[in-house]
Amino acid sequence: MERISDGLRHLYENVHRVPAFVIPAVEGRTDEAPVLDQSMTWGSILPAVWGFMLAARARGLGAVWTTAQAPLERELAGVLGVPYEEVMLAAFIPLAFTIGTDFKPARRIAREEVLHWDR
């Protein structure tokens, strides 16, 4: 959580330097929707945005999925001309060229600790 907080703080302090933001949107709202409807909505937007972020990375661009739009979603939708009652702003993604290329795999929990068969 400390690393997440540090990253959020860094973004907050440098948001004015970000050259572009991607704000993916999806038709419909999940605010009061049943779990099945929520899963179908998020199950359609997440893979699309993830694919975009992977394509950006392949071109030397860095992107990070944030939910920074959530507290002000209605206001942001108004600024962007998006009909809030009909369309949900799913994320707030800063997009920029990366500084350096020192990328490495994230630390992961051992597969044996999270993958189980028949239990």
Protein backbone atom coordinates (compact mmCIF):
# COMPACT_ATOMS: atom_id res chain seq x y z
CA MET A 1 0.00 0.00 0.00
CA GLU A 2 2.93 2.33 0.67
CA ARG A 3 4.13 1.99 -2.94
CA ILE A 4 0.62 2.68 -4.21
CA SER A 5 0.37 5.77 -2.01
CA ASP A 6 3.79 6.96 -3.22
CA GLY A 7 2.72 6.51 -6.84
CA LEU A 8 -0.53 8.34 -6.27
CA ARG A 9 1.28 11.19 -4.55
CA HIS A 10 3.77 11.41 -7.44
CA LEU A 11 0.96 11.55 -9.99
CA TYR A 12 -0.88 14.21 -7.98
CA GLU A 13 2.24 16.36 -7.81
CA ASN A 14 3.06 15.91 -11.51
CA VAL A 15 -0.34 15.67 -13.19
CA HIS A 16 0.28 19.04 -14.86
CA ARG A 17 3.20 17.46 -16.76
CA VAL A 18 1.19 14.61 -18.28
CA PRO A 19 0.75 15.29 -22.02
CA ALA A 20 -2.40 13.21 -22.51
CA PHE A 21 -5.13 11.49 -20.56
CA VAL A 22 -7.28 8.61 -21.77
CA ILE A 23 -10.70 8.43 -20.16
CA PRO A 24 -12.41 5.24 -21.30
CA ALA A 25 -16.18 5.26 -21.11
CA VAL A 26 -18.81 2.59 -21.30
CA GLU A 27 -22.52 2.85 -22.02
CA GLY A 28 -24.70 2.26 -19.00
CA ARG A 29 -24.08 2.74 -15.30
CA THR A 30 -23.33 0.11 -12.68
CA ASP A 31 -24.08 2.25 -9.61
CA GLU A 32 -27.10 0.23 -8.45
CA ALA A 33 -26.82 -2.66 -10.89
CA PRO A 34 -26.92 -6.33 -9.87
CA VAL A 35 -23.54 -8.08 -9.71
CA LEU A 36 -24.12 -9.91 -13.01
CA ASP A 37 -24.73 -6.65 -14.86
CA GLN A 38 -21.70 -5.08 -13.21
CA SER A 39 -19.47 -7.99 -14.17
CA MET A 40 -20.65 -7.89 -17.79
CA THR A 41 -20.05 -4.15 -18.04
CA TRP A 42 -16.59 -4.20 -16.47
CA GLY A 43 -15.78 -7.43 -18.32
CA SER A 44 -16.19 -5.55 -21.60
CA ILE A 45 -14.29 -2.35 -20.80
CA LEU A 46 -11.34 -3.81 -18.86
CA PRO A 47 -9.92 -6.02 -21.65
CA ALA A 48 -10.31 -3.20 -24.17
CA VAL A 49 -8.41 -0.71 -22.02
CA TRP A 50 -5.79 -3.28 -21.04
CA GLY A 51 -5.19 -3.97 -24.75
CA PHE A 52 -4.79 -0.25 -25.35
CA MET A 53 -2.29 0.05 -22.49
CA LEU A 54 -0.25 -2.90 -23.82
CA ALA A 55 -0.20 -1.37 -27.30
CA ALA A 56 0.93 1.94 -25.82
CA ARG A 57 3.75 0.20 -23.95
CA ALA A 58 4.90 -1.50 -27.15
CA ARG A 59 5.31 2.00 -28.59
CA GLY A 60 7.33 3.36 -25.69
CA LEU A 61 4.41 4.95 -23.87
CA GLY A 62 3.56 4.39 -20.24
CA ALA A 63 0.02 4.30 -18.91
CA VAL A 64 -1.52 3.50 -15.57
CA TRP A 65 -5.15 2.70 -14.74
CA THR A 66 -6.37 5.01 -12.00
CA THR A 67 -9.79 5.71 -10.58
CA ALA A 68 -8.97 9.37 -9.95
CA GLN A 69 -12.06 10.38 -11.93
CA ALA A 70 -14.47 8.62 -9.57
CA PRO A 71 -15.01 11.33 -6.92
CA LEU A 72 -15.65 13.95 -9.60
CA GLU A 73 -17.11 11.77 -12.34
CA ARG A 74 -20.32 13.78 -12.75
CA GLU A 75 -18.39 17.06 -13.05
CA LEU A 76 -15.81 15.56 -15.43
CA ALA A 77 -18.58 14.12 -17.60
CA GLY A 78 -20.11 17.59 -17.78
CA VAL A 79 -16.80 19.17 -18.85
CA LEU A 80 -16.34 16.47 -21.51
CA GLY A 81 -19.94 16.66 -22.73
CA VAL A 82 -20.63 13.06 -21.74
CA PRO A 83 -24.22 12.27 -20.65
CA TYR A 84 -23.56 11.11 -17.07
CA GLU A 85 -26.87 9.24 -16.66
CA GLU A 86 -26.14 7.12 -19.76
CA VAL A 87 -22.35 6.73 -19.84
CA MET A 88 -19.87 5.77 -17.12
CA LEU A 89 -16.31 7.10 -17.11
CA ALA A 90 -14.42 3.93 -16.24
CA ALA A 91 -10.91 5.21 -15.53
CA PHE A 92 -8.48 8.10 -15.68
CA ILE A 93 -5.32 7.00 -17.50
CA PRO A 94 -2.28 9.28 -17.77
CA LEU A 95 -0.34 8.58 -20.97
CA ALA A 96 3.23 9.68 -21.63
CA PHE A 97 6.59 8.54 -22.86
CA THR A 98 8.39 6.70 -20.09
CA ILE A 99 11.60 7.86 -18.46
CA GLY A 100 14.00 5.01 -19.04
CA THR A 101 13.21 1.40 -19.77
CA ASP A 102 14.11 -0.31 -16.51
CA PHE A 103 10.99 -2.45 -16.45
CA LYS A 104 10.90 -5.73 -14.55
CA PRO A 105 8.21 -8.20 -13.51
CA ALA A 106 6.17 -7.26 -10.46
CA ARG A 107 6.57 -9.31 -7.31
CA ARG A 108 4.01 -12.09 -7.27
CA ILE A 109 2.68 -14.53 -4.72
CA ALA A 110 3.90 -18.03 -5.52
CA ARG A 111 1.53 -19.83 -7.87
CA GLU A 112 1.21 -22.73 -5.43
CA GLU A 113 -0.24 -20.35 -2.82
CA VAL A 114 -3.07 -19.09 -5.02
CA LEU A 115 -3.81 -21.89 -7.51
CA HIS A 116 -5.74 -24.90 -6.27
CA TRP A 117 -7.28 -27.93 -7.91
CA ASP A 118 -10.60 -29.29 -6.60
CA ARG A 119 -10.54 -27.17 -3.45
